[in-house]
Amino acid sequence: MTTNDEFTNDENKNWKTKILVIGAIIGAVTGLGAAYLLIQQADEEESLQISPGEGVKLGVSVFSFLRQVTQLG
């Protein structure tokens, strides 16, 4: 015989798995879009140059975005 605790554990695993899969898909699509835009820019300018300052700004922006996402829940 199963108990309510087993159902609760299954439900917890299910929603966690769904969130992980959705997050992975969103991350993959976002990364693909960013790569596409970088390729388009490189084709137009014949080179892709990102300065260290731009890299730091991008990194800070990514961490800021991730921090905001974690504060949603």
N, C-alpha and C. Protein backbone atom coordinates (compact mmCIF):
# COMPACT_ATOMS: atom_id res chain seq x y z
N MET A 1 0.85 -1.17 0.00
CA MET A 1 0.00 0.00 0.00
C MET A 1 0.90 1.24 0.00
N THR A 2 0.54 2.25 -0.77
CA THR A 2 1.33 3.47 -0.83
C THR A 2 0.77 4.50 0.13
N THR A 3 1.62 5.38 0.53
CA THR A 3 1.21 6.43 1.45
C THR A 3 1.17 7.76 0.72
N ASN A 4 0.59 8.75 1.37
CA ASN A 4 0.53 10.09 0.80
C ASN A 4 1.92 10.68 0.62
N ASP A 5 2.86 10.30 1.47
CA ASP A 5 4.22 10.81 1.35
C ASP A 5 4.86 10.40 0.03
N GLU A 6 4.57 9.18 -0.43
CA GLU A 6 5.13 8.73 -1.70
C GLU A 6 4.56 9.53 -2.85
N PHE A 7 3.26 9.84 -2.80
CA PHE A 7 2.65 10.66 -3.84
C PHE A 7 3.24 12.06 -3.83
N THR A 8 3.45 12.61 -2.66
CA THR A 8 4.04 13.93 -2.54
C THR A 8 5.45 13.95 -3.11
N ASN A 9 6.25 12.94 -2.82
CA ASN A 9 7.60 12.86 -3.36
C ASN A 9 7.59 12.76 -4.87
N ASP A 10 6.66 11.97 -5.43
CA ASP A 10 6.55 11.84 -6.89
C ASP A 10 6.15 13.17 -7.52
N GLU A 11 5.22 13.88 -6.89
CA GLU A 11 4.79 15.18 -7.40
C GLU A 11 5.94 16.18 -7.36
N ASN A 12 6.73 16.17 -6.27
CA ASN A 12 7.89 17.06 -6.16
C ASN A 12 8.90 16.78 -7.25
N LYS A 13 9.17 15.52 -7.51
CA LYS A 13 10.12 15.15 -8.55
C LYS A 13 9.61 15.56 -9.92
N ASN A 14 8.32 15.40 -10.15
CA ASN A 14 7.74 15.73 -11.45
C ASN A 14 7.85 17.21 -11.77
N TRP A 15 7.50 18.09 -10.84
CA TRP A 15 7.56 19.50 -11.16
C TRP A 15 9.00 19.98 -11.24
N LYS A 16 9.88 19.39 -10.46
CA LYS A 16 11.29 19.77 -10.54
C LYS A 16 11.88 19.36 -11.89
N THR A 17 11.53 18.17 -12.34
CA THR A 17 12.01 17.70 -13.63
C THR A 17 11.49 18.59 -14.76
N LYS A 18 10.22 18.95 -14.68
CA LYS A 18 9.63 19.82 -15.70
C LYS A 18 10.34 21.17 -15.74
N ILE A 19 10.61 21.75 -14.58
CA ILE A 19 11.30 23.04 -14.52
C ILE A 19 12.70 22.92 -15.11
N LEU A 20 13.42 21.86 -14.80
CA LEU A 20 14.76 21.67 -15.35
C LEU A 20 14.73 21.52 -16.87
N VAL A 21 13.78 20.76 -17.38
CA VAL A 21 13.69 20.57 -18.83
C VAL A 21 13.32 21.88 -19.52
N ILE A 22 12.36 22.59 -18.97
CA ILE A 22 11.96 23.88 -19.56
C ILE A 22 13.13 24.86 -19.52
N GLY A 23 13.84 24.92 -18.41
CA GLY A 23 14.99 25.81 -18.30
C GLY A 23 16.09 25.45 -19.29
N ALA A 24 16.33 24.15 -19.48
CA ALA A 24 17.34 23.72 -20.44
C ALA A 24 16.96 24.10 -21.87
N ILE A 25 15.69 23.95 -22.19
CA ILE A 25 15.23 24.31 -23.54
C ILE A 25 15.34 25.81 -23.76
N ILE A 26 14.90 26.59 -22.79
CA ILE A 26 14.99 28.05 -22.91
C ILE A 26 16.45 28.49 -23.04
N GLY A 27 17.32 27.88 -22.23
CA GLY A 27 18.74 28.22 -22.30
C GLY A 27 19.35 27.87 -23.65
N ALA A 28 18.99 26.71 -24.18
CA ALA A 28 19.52 26.30 -25.48
C ALA A 28 19.04 27.22 -26.60
N VAL A 29 17.77 27.57 -26.57
CA VAL A 29 17.23 28.46 -27.60
C VAL A 29 17.86 29.86 -27.49
N THR A 30 18.02 30.34 -26.27
CA THR A 30 18.64 31.65 -26.07
C THR A 30 20.09 31.64 -26.54
N GLY A 31 20.82 30.60 -26.20
CA GLY A 31 22.22 30.48 -26.64
C GLY A 31 22.33 30.40 -28.15
N LEU A 32 21.45 29.65 -28.77
CA LEU A 32 21.44 29.54 -30.23
C LEU A 32 21.15 30.89 -30.87
N GLY A 33 20.20 31.62 -30.31
CA GLY A 33 19.89 32.96 -30.82
C GLY A 33 21.05 33.91 -30.68
N ALA A 34 21.73 33.87 -29.55
CA ALA A 34 22.89 34.74 -29.33
C ALA A 34 24.02 34.39 -30.30
N ALA A 35 24.25 33.11 -30.50
CA ALA A 35 25.29 32.68 -31.44
C ALA A 35 24.95 33.12 -32.86
N TYR A 36 23.69 33.00 -33.23
CA TYR A 36 23.26 33.43 -34.57
C TYR A 36 23.50 34.93 -34.76
N LEU A 37 23.15 35.72 -33.75
CA LEU A 37 23.35 37.17 -33.85
C LEU A 37 24.83 37.52 -33.94
N LEU A 38 25.68 36.82 -33.19
CA LEU A 38 27.12 37.06 -33.26
C LEU A 38 27.67 36.71 -34.64
N ILE A 39 27.18 35.61 -35.21
CA ILE A 39 27.61 35.22 -36.55
C ILE A 39 27.19 36.26 -37.57
N GLN A 40 25.97 36.76 -37.46
CA GLN A 40 25.50 37.79 -38.38
C GLN A 40 26.35 39.05 -38.28
N GLN A 41 26.69 39.44 -37.07
CA GLN A 41 27.53 40.61 -36.87
C GLN A 41 28.92 40.39 -37.44
N ALA A 42 29.48 39.21 -37.26
CA ALA A 42 30.80 38.89 -37.77
C ALA A 42 30.79 38.89 -39.30
N ASP A 43 29.72 38.42 -39.92
CA ASP A 43 29.63 38.42 -41.37
C ASP A 43 29.59 39.84 -41.92
N GLU A 44 28.90 40.72 -41.22
CA GLU A 44 28.80 42.11 -41.69
C GLU A 44 30.12 42.85 -41.52
N GLU A 45 30.82 42.61 -40.43
CA GLU A 45 32.04 43.35 -40.13
C GLU A 45 33.31 42.58 -40.49
N GLU A 46 33.15 41.37 -41.00
CA GLU A 46 34.28 40.52 -41.41
C GLU A 46 35.17 40.07 -40.26
N SER A 47 34.83 40.42 -39.05
CA SER A 47 35.57 39.92 -37.89
C SER A 47 34.69 40.09 -36.66
N LEU A 48 35.02 39.32 -35.67
CA LEU A 48 34.27 39.39 -34.42
C LEU A 48 35.24 39.79 -33.33
N GLN A 49 35.09 40.99 -32.84
CA GLN A 49 35.98 41.47 -31.79
C GLN A 49 35.16 41.92 -30.60
N ILE A 50 35.42 41.29 -29.48
CA ILE A 50 34.79 41.68 -28.23
C ILE A 50 35.91 42.10 -27.29
N SER A 51 35.84 43.33 -26.84
CA SER A 51 36.89 43.83 -25.95
C SER A 51 36.71 43.22 -24.55
N PRO A 52 37.76 43.23 -23.76
CA PRO A 52 37.62 42.72 -22.39
C PRO A 52 36.54 43.45 -21.59
N GLY A 53 36.42 44.74 -21.81
CA GLY A 53 35.39 45.52 -21.12
C GLY A 53 34.00 45.06 -21.50
N GLU A 54 33.78 44.79 -22.79
CA GLU A 54 32.48 44.30 -23.24
C GLU A 54 32.21 42.91 -22.67
N GLY A 55 33.25 42.09 -22.56
CA GLY A 55 33.09 40.76 -21.97
C GLY A 55 32.68 40.83 -20.51
N VAL A 56 33.30 41.77 -19.78
CA VAL A 56 32.94 41.94 -18.36
C VAL A 56 31.51 42.44 -18.24
N LYS A 57 31.12 43.40 -19.08
CA LYS A 57 29.74 43.90 -19.05
C LYS A 57 28.75 42.78 -19.34
N LEU A 58 29.08 41.94 -20.31
CA LEU A 58 28.20 40.83 -20.65
C LEU A 58 28.09 39.85 -19.49
N GLY A 59 29.21 39.53 -18.86
CA GLY A 59 29.20 38.62 -17.72
C GLY A 59 28.38 39.17 -16.56
N VAL A 60 28.54 40.44 -16.26
CA VAL A 60 27.77 41.06 -15.18
C VAL A 60 26.28 41.06 -15.52
N SER A 61 25.96 41.31 -16.77
CA SER A 61 24.55 41.30 -17.19
C SER A 61 23.95 39.91 -17.03
N VAL A 62 24.69 38.88 -17.39
CA VAL A 62 24.19 37.50 -17.27
C VAL A 62 23.96 37.16 -15.81
N PHE A 63 24.91 37.49 -14.94
CA PHE A 63 24.75 37.20 -13.52
C PHE A 63 23.60 38.00 -12.92
N SER A 64 23.42 39.23 -13.36
CA SER A 64 22.31 40.04 -12.88
C SER A 64 20.98 39.42 -13.30
N PHE A 65 20.91 38.95 -14.53
CA PHE A 65 19.69 38.30 -15.01
C PHE A 65 19.40 37.03 -14.20
N LEU A 66 20.42 36.22 -13.96
CA LEU A 66 20.23 34.99 -13.19
C LEU A 66 19.80 35.29 -11.76
N ARG A 67 20.33 36.34 -11.19
CA ARG A 67 19.94 36.74 -9.84
C ARG A 67 18.46 37.14 -9.81
N GLN A 68 18.01 37.87 -10.83
CA GLN A 68 16.61 38.25 -10.90
C GLN A 68 15.70 37.04 -11.06
N VAL A 69 16.14 36.06 -11.83
CA VAL A 69 15.34 34.85 -12.02
C VAL A 69 15.21 34.11 -10.70
N THR A 70 16.29 34.02 -9.93
CA THR A 70 16.22 33.29 -8.66
C THR A 70 15.33 34.01 -7.64
N GLN A 71 15.16 35.30 -7.79
CA GLN A 71 14.32 36.05 -6.86
C GLN A 71 12.84 35.99 -7.22
N LEU A 72 12.49 35.39 -8.35
CA LEU A 72 11.09 35.27 -8.74
C LEU A 72 10.31 34.36 -7.79
N GLY A 73 10.94 33.29 -7.35
CA GLY A 73 10.22 32.30 -6.54
C GLY A 73 10.39 32.54 -5.15
